[in-house]
N, C-alpha and C. Protein backbone atom coordinates (compact mmCIF):
# COMPACT_ATOMS: atom_id res chain seq x y z
N MET A 1 94.77 74.13 -28.13
CA MET A 1 95.27 74.11 -29.48
C MET A 1 94.10 73.73 -30.38
N LEU A 2 94.05 74.35 -31.49
CA LEU A 2 93.02 74.14 -32.49
C LEU A 2 93.73 73.79 -33.79
N ARG A 3 93.33 72.67 -34.42
CA ARG A 3 93.98 72.26 -35.65
C ARG A 3 92.96 72.26 -36.77
N ILE A 4 93.34 72.88 -37.88
CA ILE A 4 92.48 72.98 -39.05
C ILE A 4 93.21 72.34 -40.21
N LYS A 5 92.59 71.29 -40.79
CA LYS A 5 93.20 70.61 -41.93
C LYS A 5 92.18 70.57 -43.06
N GLY A 6 92.66 70.67 -44.26
CA GLY A 6 91.77 70.59 -45.41
C GLY A 6 92.47 71.08 -46.66
N ARG A 7 91.69 71.58 -47.57
CA ARG A 7 92.25 72.08 -48.83
C ARG A 7 91.53 73.37 -49.20
N ILE A 8 92.29 74.25 -49.83
CA ILE A 8 91.73 75.43 -50.47
C ILE A 8 92.13 75.30 -51.92
N GLY A 9 91.18 74.86 -52.74
CA GLY A 9 91.50 74.55 -54.13
C GLY A 9 92.47 73.41 -54.19
N ASP A 10 93.61 73.60 -54.84
CA ASP A 10 94.64 72.57 -54.93
C ASP A 10 95.65 72.65 -53.78
N TRP A 11 95.53 73.63 -52.93
CA TRP A 11 96.51 73.86 -51.87
C TRP A 11 96.10 73.14 -50.58
N PRO A 12 96.99 72.30 -50.04
CA PRO A 12 96.69 71.67 -48.75
C PRO A 12 96.84 72.70 -47.63
N VAL A 13 95.97 72.58 -46.62
CA VAL A 13 96.01 73.48 -45.47
C VAL A 13 96.16 72.64 -44.21
N ASP A 14 97.15 72.95 -43.39
CA ASP A 14 97.34 72.32 -42.10
C ASP A 14 97.76 73.42 -41.14
N LEU A 15 96.81 73.94 -40.38
CA LEU A 15 97.02 75.11 -39.54
C LEU A 15 96.80 74.73 -38.08
N THR A 16 97.75 75.07 -37.24
CA THR A 16 97.62 74.85 -35.81
C THR A 16 97.59 76.21 -35.12
N VAL A 17 96.56 76.42 -34.31
CA VAL A 17 96.41 77.67 -33.57
C VAL A 17 96.47 77.32 -32.09
N GLU A 18 97.46 77.87 -31.39
CA GLU A 18 97.57 77.63 -29.96
C GLU A 18 96.81 78.72 -29.22
N MET A 19 95.96 78.27 -28.29
CA MET A 19 95.13 79.21 -27.53
C MET A 19 95.27 78.89 -26.05
N ASP A 20 95.49 79.93 -25.23
CA ASP A 20 95.53 79.70 -23.79
C ASP A 20 94.14 79.98 -23.22
N ASP A 21 93.99 79.87 -21.92
CA ASP A 21 92.68 80.05 -21.29
C ASP A 21 92.09 81.43 -21.58
N GLY A 22 92.95 82.45 -21.63
CA GLY A 22 92.48 83.80 -21.92
C GLY A 22 91.92 83.92 -23.34
N ASP A 23 92.59 83.25 -24.29
CA ASP A 23 92.10 83.25 -25.68
C ASP A 23 90.74 82.58 -25.78
N TRP A 24 90.58 81.42 -25.10
CA TRP A 24 89.28 80.72 -25.13
C TRP A 24 88.20 81.60 -24.50
N ALA A 25 88.53 82.28 -23.40
CA ALA A 25 87.56 83.15 -22.74
C ALA A 25 87.15 84.29 -23.66
N GLN A 26 88.12 84.86 -24.36
CA GLN A 26 87.82 85.95 -25.28
C GLN A 26 86.94 85.46 -26.43
N LEU A 27 87.23 84.27 -26.94
CA LEU A 27 86.40 83.69 -28.00
C LEU A 27 84.99 83.41 -27.48
N ALA A 28 84.88 82.87 -26.28
CA ALA A 28 83.57 82.55 -25.70
C ALA A 28 82.74 83.81 -25.49
N ALA A 29 83.40 84.93 -25.23
CA ALA A 29 82.68 86.19 -25.02
C ALA A 29 81.95 86.64 -26.29
N HIS A 30 82.41 86.18 -27.45
CA HIS A 30 81.79 86.57 -28.71
C HIS A 30 80.69 85.61 -29.16
N LEU A 31 80.50 84.52 -28.42
CA LEU A 31 79.47 83.54 -28.78
C LEU A 31 78.13 83.93 -28.18
N PRO A 32 77.02 83.47 -28.76
CA PRO A 32 75.71 83.73 -28.16
C PRO A 32 75.65 83.17 -26.74
N ALA A 33 74.81 83.74 -25.92
CA ALA A 33 74.74 83.41 -24.50
C ALA A 33 74.51 81.91 -24.25
N GLN A 34 73.66 81.25 -25.01
CA GLN A 34 73.40 79.83 -24.77
C GLN A 34 74.60 78.96 -25.08
N SER A 35 75.54 79.43 -25.89
CA SER A 35 76.71 78.62 -26.26
C SER A 35 77.85 78.74 -25.27
N THR A 36 77.86 79.76 -24.42
CA THR A 36 78.99 79.95 -23.52
C THR A 36 79.08 78.84 -22.50
N ALA A 37 77.99 78.17 -22.17
CA ALA A 37 78.05 77.06 -21.23
C ALA A 37 78.84 75.90 -21.80
N ALA A 38 78.92 75.82 -23.11
CA ALA A 38 79.63 74.72 -23.75
C ALA A 38 81.08 75.10 -24.09
N ALA A 39 81.58 76.17 -23.49
CA ALA A 39 82.96 76.57 -23.74
C ALA A 39 83.90 75.46 -23.30
N PRO A 40 84.98 75.25 -24.01
CA PRO A 40 85.87 74.14 -23.68
C PRO A 40 86.49 74.28 -22.30
N ALA A 41 86.72 73.15 -21.67
CA ALA A 41 87.39 73.14 -20.37
C ALA A 41 88.84 73.53 -20.57
N PRO A 42 89.50 73.97 -19.52
CA PRO A 42 90.92 74.30 -19.66
C PRO A 42 91.69 73.11 -20.23
N VAL A 43 92.63 73.40 -21.10
CA VAL A 43 93.40 72.37 -21.78
C VAL A 43 94.52 71.90 -20.85
N PRO A 44 94.67 70.58 -20.65
CA PRO A 44 95.78 70.09 -19.82
C PRO A 44 97.13 70.49 -20.42
N ALA A 45 98.12 70.64 -19.56
CA ALA A 45 99.44 71.06 -20.01
C ALA A 45 100.13 69.99 -20.85
N ASN A 46 99.91 68.72 -20.54
CA ASN A 46 100.55 67.62 -21.26
C ASN A 46 99.77 67.33 -22.55
N PRO A 47 100.41 67.44 -23.72
CA PRO A 47 99.70 67.20 -24.98
C PRO A 47 99.07 65.81 -25.07
N ALA A 48 99.71 64.79 -24.49
CA ALA A 48 99.13 63.44 -24.54
C ALA A 48 97.81 63.41 -23.78
N ASP A 49 97.76 64.08 -22.63
CA ASP A 49 96.51 64.14 -21.87
C ASP A 49 95.46 64.96 -22.59
N ARG A 50 95.89 65.96 -23.31
CA ARG A 50 94.98 66.83 -24.05
C ARG A 50 94.30 66.04 -25.18
N ASN A 51 95.03 65.16 -25.84
CA ASN A 51 94.50 64.41 -26.97
C ASN A 51 93.78 63.13 -26.56
N TRP A 52 93.98 62.64 -25.35
CA TRP A 52 93.37 61.40 -24.91
C TRP A 52 91.84 61.43 -25.00
N PRO A 53 91.15 62.44 -24.47
CA PRO A 53 89.69 62.46 -24.60
C PRO A 53 89.25 62.49 -26.07
N LEU A 54 90.01 63.16 -26.92
CA LEU A 54 89.67 63.22 -28.34
C LEU A 54 89.84 61.86 -29.00
N ALA A 55 90.87 61.11 -28.60
CA ALA A 55 91.08 59.77 -29.14
C ALA A 55 89.93 58.85 -28.73
N LEU A 56 89.52 58.93 -27.47
CA LEU A 56 88.39 58.12 -27.01
C LEU A 56 87.12 58.49 -27.77
N GLU A 57 86.89 59.78 -27.94
CA GLU A 57 85.70 60.25 -28.64
C GLU A 57 85.69 59.77 -30.10
N LEU A 58 86.85 59.79 -30.73
CA LEU A 58 86.96 59.33 -32.12
C LEU A 58 86.53 57.88 -32.24
N LEU A 59 87.09 57.01 -31.40
CA LEU A 59 86.76 55.59 -31.50
C LEU A 59 85.31 55.34 -31.09
N GLN A 60 84.83 56.05 -30.09
CA GLN A 60 83.44 55.89 -29.67
C GLN A 60 82.50 56.29 -30.79
N ARG A 61 82.82 57.38 -31.48
CA ARG A 61 81.96 57.88 -32.56
C ARG A 61 81.88 56.90 -33.73
N VAL A 62 83.01 56.31 -34.13
CA VAL A 62 83.02 55.41 -35.29
C VAL A 62 82.65 53.99 -34.90
N GLY A 63 82.80 53.63 -33.64
CA GLY A 63 82.43 52.30 -33.18
C GLY A 63 83.57 51.30 -33.30
N SER A 64 84.17 51.18 -34.48
CA SER A 64 85.30 50.28 -34.66
C SER A 64 86.13 50.76 -35.86
N MET A 65 87.42 50.42 -35.81
CA MET A 65 88.31 50.84 -36.88
C MET A 65 89.54 49.94 -36.87
N GLU A 66 90.04 49.62 -38.07
CA GLU A 66 91.26 48.82 -38.17
C GLU A 66 92.46 49.64 -37.70
N GLY A 67 93.45 48.94 -37.14
CA GLY A 67 94.63 49.57 -36.56
C GLY A 67 95.33 50.59 -37.44
N PRO A 68 95.68 50.26 -38.70
CA PRO A 68 96.40 51.23 -39.53
C PRO A 68 95.59 52.51 -39.79
N GLN A 69 94.31 52.36 -40.01
CA GLN A 69 93.46 53.53 -40.25
C GLN A 69 93.34 54.36 -38.97
N LEU A 70 93.18 53.67 -37.83
CA LEU A 70 93.09 54.36 -36.55
C LEU A 70 94.39 55.10 -36.25
N LEU A 71 95.53 54.46 -36.54
CA LEU A 71 96.82 55.13 -36.33
C LEU A 71 96.92 56.39 -37.18
N ALA A 72 96.47 56.34 -38.41
CA ALA A 72 96.50 57.52 -39.28
C ALA A 72 95.63 58.64 -38.71
N GLU A 73 94.44 58.27 -38.23
CA GLU A 73 93.54 59.28 -37.65
C GLU A 73 94.14 59.88 -36.38
N LEU A 74 94.69 59.02 -35.52
CA LEU A 74 95.29 59.51 -34.27
C LEU A 74 96.52 60.35 -34.53
N SER A 75 97.31 59.99 -35.54
CA SER A 75 98.49 60.78 -35.89
C SER A 75 98.09 62.17 -36.37
N ALA A 76 97.03 62.24 -37.17
CA ALA A 76 96.54 63.55 -37.62
C ALA A 76 96.01 64.36 -36.44
N LEU A 77 95.32 63.69 -35.55
CA LEU A 77 94.75 64.35 -34.37
C LEU A 77 95.85 64.88 -33.46
N ALA A 78 96.89 64.08 -33.26
CA ALA A 78 97.94 64.43 -32.30
C ALA A 78 99.06 65.26 -32.91
N GLY A 79 99.10 65.37 -34.23
CA GLY A 79 100.11 66.20 -34.86
C GLY A 79 101.39 65.48 -35.21
N GLY A 80 101.38 64.16 -35.20
CA GLY A 80 102.58 63.43 -35.58
C GLY A 80 102.41 61.94 -35.35
N GLU A 81 103.22 61.15 -36.06
CA GLU A 81 103.08 59.70 -35.97
C GLU A 81 103.46 59.16 -34.59
N ALA A 82 104.50 59.72 -33.99
CA ALA A 82 104.94 59.24 -32.66
C ALA A 82 103.84 59.47 -31.63
N ALA A 83 103.23 60.63 -31.65
CA ALA A 83 102.15 60.93 -30.71
C ALA A 83 100.93 60.06 -31.01
N GLY A 84 100.68 59.78 -32.29
CA GLY A 84 99.58 58.90 -32.67
C GLY A 84 99.81 57.49 -32.17
N LYS A 85 101.05 57.01 -32.25
CA LYS A 85 101.38 55.67 -31.75
C LYS A 85 101.18 55.58 -30.24
N ARG A 86 101.55 56.64 -29.53
CA ARG A 86 101.35 56.64 -28.07
C ARG A 86 99.86 56.54 -27.73
N LEU A 87 99.03 57.26 -28.48
CA LEU A 87 97.59 57.18 -28.24
C LEU A 87 97.06 55.79 -28.59
N LEU A 88 97.57 55.18 -29.65
CA LEU A 88 97.13 53.85 -30.05
C LEU A 88 97.48 52.82 -28.97
N VAL A 89 98.69 52.91 -28.41
CA VAL A 89 99.08 52.01 -27.33
C VAL A 89 98.19 52.23 -26.11
N ARG A 90 97.89 53.47 -25.83
CA ARG A 90 97.02 53.77 -24.70
C ARG A 90 95.63 53.20 -24.91
N LEU A 91 95.12 53.27 -26.15
CA LEU A 91 93.82 52.68 -26.46
C LEU A 91 93.86 51.16 -26.29
N ARG A 92 94.98 50.56 -26.67
CA ARG A 92 95.13 49.10 -26.57
C ARG A 92 94.93 48.63 -25.13
N HIS A 93 95.32 49.45 -24.16
CA HIS A 93 95.23 49.08 -22.75
C HIS A 93 94.01 49.68 -22.05
N CYS A 94 93.15 50.31 -22.78
CA CYS A 94 91.97 50.96 -22.22
C CYS A 94 90.84 49.93 -22.02
N PRO A 95 90.21 49.89 -20.86
CA PRO A 95 89.15 48.90 -20.64
C PRO A 95 87.89 49.14 -21.49
N GLN A 96 87.75 50.32 -22.06
CA GLN A 96 86.59 50.62 -22.90
C GLN A 96 86.79 50.20 -24.35
N VAL A 97 87.98 49.64 -24.65
CA VAL A 97 88.32 49.27 -26.02
C VAL A 97 88.64 47.78 -26.07
N GLN A 98 88.05 47.11 -27.05
CA GLN A 98 88.31 45.69 -27.27
C GLN A 98 89.06 45.55 -28.59
N ILE A 99 90.08 44.71 -28.59
CA ILE A 99 90.85 44.51 -29.81
C ILE A 99 90.57 43.10 -30.32
N GLU A 100 90.17 43.02 -31.58
CA GLU A 100 89.87 41.75 -32.21
C GLU A 100 90.85 41.52 -33.36
N SER A 101 91.12 40.26 -33.65
CA SER A 101 91.98 39.94 -34.79
C SER A 101 91.18 40.11 -36.07
N GLY A 102 91.66 40.96 -36.94
CA GLY A 102 91.02 41.16 -38.23
C GLY A 102 91.74 40.35 -39.28
N ALA A 103 91.21 40.33 -40.49
CA ALA A 103 91.82 39.57 -41.58
C ALA A 103 93.22 40.08 -41.89
N GLU A 104 93.38 41.40 -41.90
CA GLU A 104 94.67 41.99 -42.26
C GLU A 104 95.29 42.80 -41.14
N ALA A 105 94.49 43.26 -40.21
CA ALA A 105 95.00 44.13 -39.14
C ALA A 105 94.09 44.01 -37.93
N PRO A 106 94.58 44.35 -36.75
CA PRO A 106 93.72 44.31 -35.56
C PRO A 106 92.58 45.31 -35.69
N LEU A 107 91.44 44.97 -35.14
CA LEU A 107 90.27 45.83 -35.19
C LEU A 107 90.04 46.37 -33.78
N TYR A 108 90.05 47.68 -33.63
CA TYR A 108 89.80 48.33 -32.36
C TYR A 108 88.32 48.64 -32.30
N ARG A 109 87.64 48.12 -31.25
CA ARG A 109 86.20 48.29 -31.12
C ARG A 109 85.87 48.95 -29.79
N TRP A 110 85.02 49.96 -29.84
CA TRP A 110 84.57 50.65 -28.63
C TRP A 110 83.51 49.78 -27.95
N VAL A 111 83.71 49.44 -26.69
CA VAL A 111 82.74 48.64 -25.94
C VAL A 111 82.16 49.43 -24.77
N GLY A 112 82.65 50.64 -24.54
CA GLY A 112 82.10 51.52 -23.51
C GLY A 112 82.43 51.12 -22.19
């Protein structure tokens, strides 16, 4: 699945494109030869498993983020607040993530 969010002028855009392995292969065939090695791995069938590596990558990339902001990012990533909350709970129990008490909200910090 590929999600595109943004704006075109004043119009909000939120587009989800579902692609199976054949679609990814067809897309990869149109890329330059050096880029085909970086073609995405097959997408897991379970959406929670599909978004888990992306959630880890998000927190690793930013280093740390307060809970409410992280929940908003994860909800956008996963396509809904319930799915975002599941990812947030999963991050809470992940050994690569440390949770610190912040002034207003918990701070999720990537510790690797």
